[in-house]
Amino acid sequence: MPKRTYQPKKRHAKRQHGFRKRMASAGGRNILKRRRTKRRQRLAI
């Protein structure tokens, strides 16, 4: 049986999906904008 592929790490998650990573690209800023319009409690990790 193969091992589970998701081995969570907080630092890796923040670096890949964190606020600063989102702000770094135009697409990421669009994501934040959409999440703001939806009034999401958490914009990014």
PDB file of N, CA and C in Angstrom:
ATOM      1  N   MET A   1       0.837  -1.189   0.000  1.00  0.00           N
ATOM      2  CA  MET A   1       0.000   0.000   0.000  1.00  0.00           C
ATOM      3  C   MET A   1       0.883   1.255   0.000  1.00  0.00           C
ATOM      4  N   PRO A   2       0.623   2.205  -0.900  1.00  0.00           N
ATOM      5  CA  PRO A   2       1.476   3.400  -0.961  1.00  0.00           C
ATOM      6  C   PRO A   2       1.251   4.324   0.231  1.00  0.00           C
ATOM      7  N   LYS A   3       2.283   5.100   0.519  1.00  0.00           N
ATOM      8  CA  LYS A   3       2.165   6.042   1.634  1.00  0.00           C
ATOM      9  C   LYS A   3       1.280   7.220   1.255  1.00  0.00           C
ATOM     10  N   ARG A   4       0.790   7.903   2.249  1.00  0.00           N
ATOM     11  CA  ARG A   4      -0.036   9.092   2.024  1.00  0.00           C
ATOM     12  C   ARG A   4       0.846  10.213   1.474  1.00  0.00           C
ATOM     13  N   THR A   5       0.330  10.920   0.482  1.00  0.00           N
ATOM     14  CA  THR A   5       1.163  11.929  -0.182  1.00  0.00           C
ATOM     15  C   THR A   5       1.162  13.272   0.541  1.00  0.00           C
ATOM     16  N   TYR A   6       0.128  13.548   1.330  1.00  0.00           N
ATOM     17  CA  TYR A   6       0.050  14.842   2.010  1.00  0.00           C
ATOM     18  C   TYR A   6       0.713  14.765   3.377  1.00  0.00           C
ATOM     19  N   GLN A   7       1.891  15.381   3.484  1.00  0.00           N
ATOM     20  CA  GLN A   7       2.626  15.442   4.750  1.00  0.00           C
ATOM     21  C   GLN A   7       2.706  16.919   5.130  1.00  0.00           C
ATOM     22  N   PRO A   8       1.712  17.425   5.865  1.00  0.00           N
ATOM     23  CA  PRO A   8       1.599  18.871   6.067  1.00  0.00           C
ATOM     24  C   PRO A   8       2.773  19.504   6.812  1.00  0.00           C
ATOM     25  N   LYS A   9       3.189  20.659   6.318  1.00  0.00           N
ATOM     26  CA  LYS A   9       4.223  21.459   6.960  1.00  0.00           C
ATOM     27  C   LYS A   9       3.760  22.916   6.917  1.00  0.00           C
ATOM     28  N   LYS A  10       3.745  23.556   8.071  1.00  0.00           N
ATOM     29  CA  LYS A  10       3.217  24.917   8.155  1.00  0.00           C
ATOM     30  C   LYS A  10       4.035  25.917   7.345  1.00  0.00           C
ATOM     31  N   ARG A  11       5.351  25.790   7.407  1.00  0.00           N
ATOM     32  CA  ARG A  11       6.202  26.732   6.682  1.00  0.00           C
ATOM     33  C   ARG A  11       5.979  26.619   5.173  1.00  0.00           C
ATOM     34  N   HIS A  12       5.930  25.406   4.675  1.00  0.00           N
ATOM     35  CA  HIS A  12       5.734  25.187   3.234  1.00  0.00           C
ATOM     36  C   HIS A  12       4.376  25.740   2.786  1.00  0.00           C
ATOM     37  N   ALA A  13       3.341  25.489   3.584  1.00  0.00           N
ATOM     38  CA  ALA A  13       1.997  25.973   3.245  1.00  0.00           C
ATOM     39  C   ALA A  13       1.977  27.495   3.177  1.00  0.00           C
ATOM     40  N   LYS A  14       2.617  28.147   4.153  1.00  0.00           N
ATOM     41  CA  LYS A  14       2.651  29.609   4.167  1.00  0.00           C
ATOM     42  C   LYS A  14       3.399  30.153   2.963  1.00  0.00           C
ATOM     43  N   ARG A  15       4.497  29.511   2.629  1.00  0.00           N
ATOM     44  CA  ARG A  15       5.295  29.999   1.504  1.00  0.00           C
ATOM     45  C   ARG A  15       4.586  29.814   0.175  1.00  0.00           C
ATOM     46  N   GLN A  16       3.806  28.778   0.049  1.00  0.00           N
ATOM     47  CA  GLN A  16       3.128  28.504  -1.215  1.00  0.00           C
ATOM     48  C   GLN A  16       1.791  29.220  -1.346  1.00  0.00           C
ATOM     49  N   HIS A  17       1.047  29.331  -0.243  1.00  0.00           N
ATOM     50  CA  HIS A  17      -0.318  29.847  -0.309  1.00  0.00           C
ATOM     51  C   HIS A  17      -0.547  31.035   0.608  1.00  0.00           C
ATOM     52  N   GLY A  18       0.528  31.602   1.157  1.00  0.00           N
ATOM     53  CA  GLY A  18       0.404  32.698   2.109  1.00  0.00           C
ATOM     54  C   GLY A  18       0.052  34.022   1.446  1.00  0.00           C
ATOM     55  N   PHE A  19      -0.219  35.007   2.292  1.00  0.00           N
ATOM     56  CA  PHE A  19      -0.633  36.325   1.822  1.00  0.00           C
ATOM     57  C   PHE A  19       0.421  36.974   0.927  1.00  0.00           C
ATOM     58  N   ARG A  20       1.675  36.917   1.342  1.00  0.00           N
ATOM     59  CA  ARG A  20       2.723  37.582   0.566  1.00  0.00           C
ATOM     60  C   ARG A  20       2.923  36.922  -0.798  1.00  0.00           C
ATOM     61  N   LYS A  21       2.761  35.620  -0.846  1.00  0.00           N
ATOM     62  CA  LYS A  21       2.872  34.903  -2.123  1.00  0.00           C
ATOM     63  C   LYS A  21       1.734  35.335  -3.053  1.00  0.00           C
ATOM     64  N   ARG A  22       0.539  35.485  -2.486  1.00  0.00           N
ATOM     65  CA  ARG A  22      -0.612  35.923  -3.281  1.00  0.00           C
ATOM     66  C   ARG A  22      -0.384  37.339  -3.821  1.00  0.00           C
ATOM     67  N   MET A  23       0.149  38.204  -2.966  1.00  0.00           N
ATOM     68  CA  MET A  23       0.362  39.595  -3.367  1.00  0.00           C
ATOM     69  C   MET A  23       1.463  39.731  -4.423  1.00  0.00           C
ATOM     70  N   ALA A  24       2.287  38.716  -4.554  1.00  0.00           N
ATOM     71  CA  ALA A  24       3.439  38.801  -5.451  1.00  0.00           C
ATOM     72  C   ALA A  24       3.059  38.750  -6.928  1.00  0.00           C
ATOM     73  N   SER A  25       1.881  38.204  -7.254  1.00  0.00           N
ATOM     74  CA  SER A  25       1.496  38.109  -8.663  1.00  0.00           C
ATOM     75  C   SER A  25       0.120  38.723  -8.889  1.00  0.00           C
ATOM     76  N   ALA A  26      -0.137  39.105 -10.115  1.00  0.00           N
ATOM     77  CA  ALA A  26      -1.431  39.708 -10.460  1.00  0.00           C
ATOM     78  C   ALA A  26      -2.564  38.715 -10.220  1.00  0.00           C
ATOM     79  N   GLY A  27      -2.327  37.454 -10.588  1.00  0.00           N
ATOM     80  CA  GLY A  27      -3.345  36.423 -10.381  1.00  0.00           C
ATOM     81  C   GLY A  27      -3.663  36.230  -8.910  1.00  0.00           C
ATOM     82  N   GLY A  28      -2.623  36.255  -8.092  1.00  0.00           N
ATOM     83  CA  GLY A  28      -2.807  36.099  -6.650  1.00  0.00           C
ATOM     84  C   GLY A  28      -3.593  37.261  -6.062  1.00  0.00           C
ATOM     85  N   ARG A  29      -3.321  38.468  -6.567  1.00  0.00           N
ATOM     86  CA  ARG A  29      -4.072  39.637  -6.092  1.00  0.00           C
ATOM     87  C   ARG A  29      -5.538  39.514  -6.483  1.00  0.00           C
ATOM     88  N   ASN A  30      -5.807  38.945  -7.661  1.00  0.00           N
ATOM     89  CA  ASN A  30      -7.196  38.705  -8.074  1.00  0.00           C
ATOM     90  C   ASN A  30      -7.889  37.739  -7.131  1.00  0.00           C
ATOM     91  N   ILE A  31      -7.172  36.706  -6.697  1.00  0.00           N
ATOM     92  CA  ILE A  31      -7.728  35.743  -5.743  1.00  0.00           C
ATOM     93  C   ILE A  31      -8.115  36.462  -4.455  1.00  0.00           C
ATOM     94  N   LEU A  32      -7.203  37.298  -3.942  1.00  0.00           N
ATOM     95  CA  LEU A  32      -7.484  38.033  -2.701  1.00  0.00           C
ATOM     96  C   LEU A  32      -8.680  38.957  -2.881  1.00  0.00           C
ATOM     97  N   LYS A  33      -8.765  39.576  -4.051  1.00  0.00           N
ATOM     98  CA  LYS A  33      -9.889  40.479  -4.332  1.00  0.00           C
ATOM     99  C   LYS A  33     -11.209  39.716  -4.300  1.00  0.00           C
ATOM    100  N   ARG A  34     -11.239  38.552  -4.950  1.00  0.00           N
ATOM    101  CA  ARG A  34     -12.451  37.728  -4.937  1.00  0.00           C
ATOM    102  C   ARG A  34     -12.822  37.308  -3.531  1.00  0.00           C
ATOM    103  N   ARG A  35     -11.825  36.942  -2.739  1.00  0.00           N
ATOM    104  CA  ARG A  35     -12.099  36.487  -1.378  1.00  0.00           C
ATOM    105  C   ARG A  35     -12.579  37.646  -0.506  1.00  0.00           C
ATOM    106  N   ARG A  36     -12.076  38.856  -0.787  1.00  0.00           N
ATOM    107  CA  ARG A  36     -12.568  40.026  -0.047  1.00  0.00           C
ATOM    108  C   ARG A  36     -14.025  40.313  -0.387  1.00  0.00           C
ATOM    109  N   THR A  37     -14.376  40.215  -1.661  1.00  0.00           N
ATOM    110  CA  THR A  37     -15.760  40.494  -2.060  1.00  0.00           C
ATOM    111  C   THR A  37     -16.716  39.473  -1.466  1.00  0.00           C
ATOM    112  N   LYS A  38     -16.238  38.237  -1.256  1.00  0.00           N
ATOM    113  CA  LYS A  38     -17.059  37.197  -0.623  1.00  0.00           C
ATOM    114  C   LYS A  38     -17.096  37.352   0.897  1.00  0.00           C
ATOM    115  N   ARG A  39     -16.305  38.325   1.409  1.00  0.00           N
ATOM    116  CA  ARG A  39     -16.186  38.555   2.855  1.00  0.00           C
ATOM    117  C   ARG A  39     -15.632  37.334   3.581  1.00  0.00           C
ATOM    118  N   ARG A  40     -14.634  36.727   2.987  1.00  0.00           N
ATOM    119  CA  ARG A  40     -14.009  35.557   3.613  1.00  0.00           C
ATOM    120  C   ARG A  40     -13.322  35.980   4.908  1.00  0.00           C
ATOM    121  N   GLN A  41     -13.462  35.140   5.934  1.00  0.00           N
ATOM    122  CA  GLN A  41     -12.806  35.418   7.214  1.00  0.00           C
ATOM    123  C   GLN A  41     -11.291  35.327   7.041  1.00  0.00           C
ATOM    124  N   ARG A  42     -10.835  34.319   6.283  1.00  0.00           N
ATOM    125  CA  ARG A  42      -9.403  34.141   6.015  1.00  0.00           C
ATOM    126  C   ARG A  42      -9.146  34.402   4.536  1.00  0.00           C
ATOM    127  N   LEU A  43      -8.318  35.383   4.258  1.00  0.00           N
ATOM    128  CA  LEU A  43      -7.982  35.684   2.862  1.00  0.00           C
ATOM    129  C   LEU A  43      -6.951  34.690   2.344  1.00  0.00           C
ATOM    130  N   ALA A  44      -5.958  34.439   3.169  1.00  0.00           N
ATOM    131  CA  ALA A  44      -4.896  33.505   2.808  1.00  0.00           C
ATOM    132  C   ALA A  44      -4.483  32.778   4.085  1.00  0.00           C
ATOM    133  N   ILE A  45      -3.665  31.759   3.933  1.00  0.00           N
ATOM    134  CA  ILE A  45      -3.213  30.991   5.096  1.00  0.00           C
ATOM    135  C   ILE A  45      -2.359  31.868   6.002  1.00  0.00           C
TER     136      ILE A  45
END
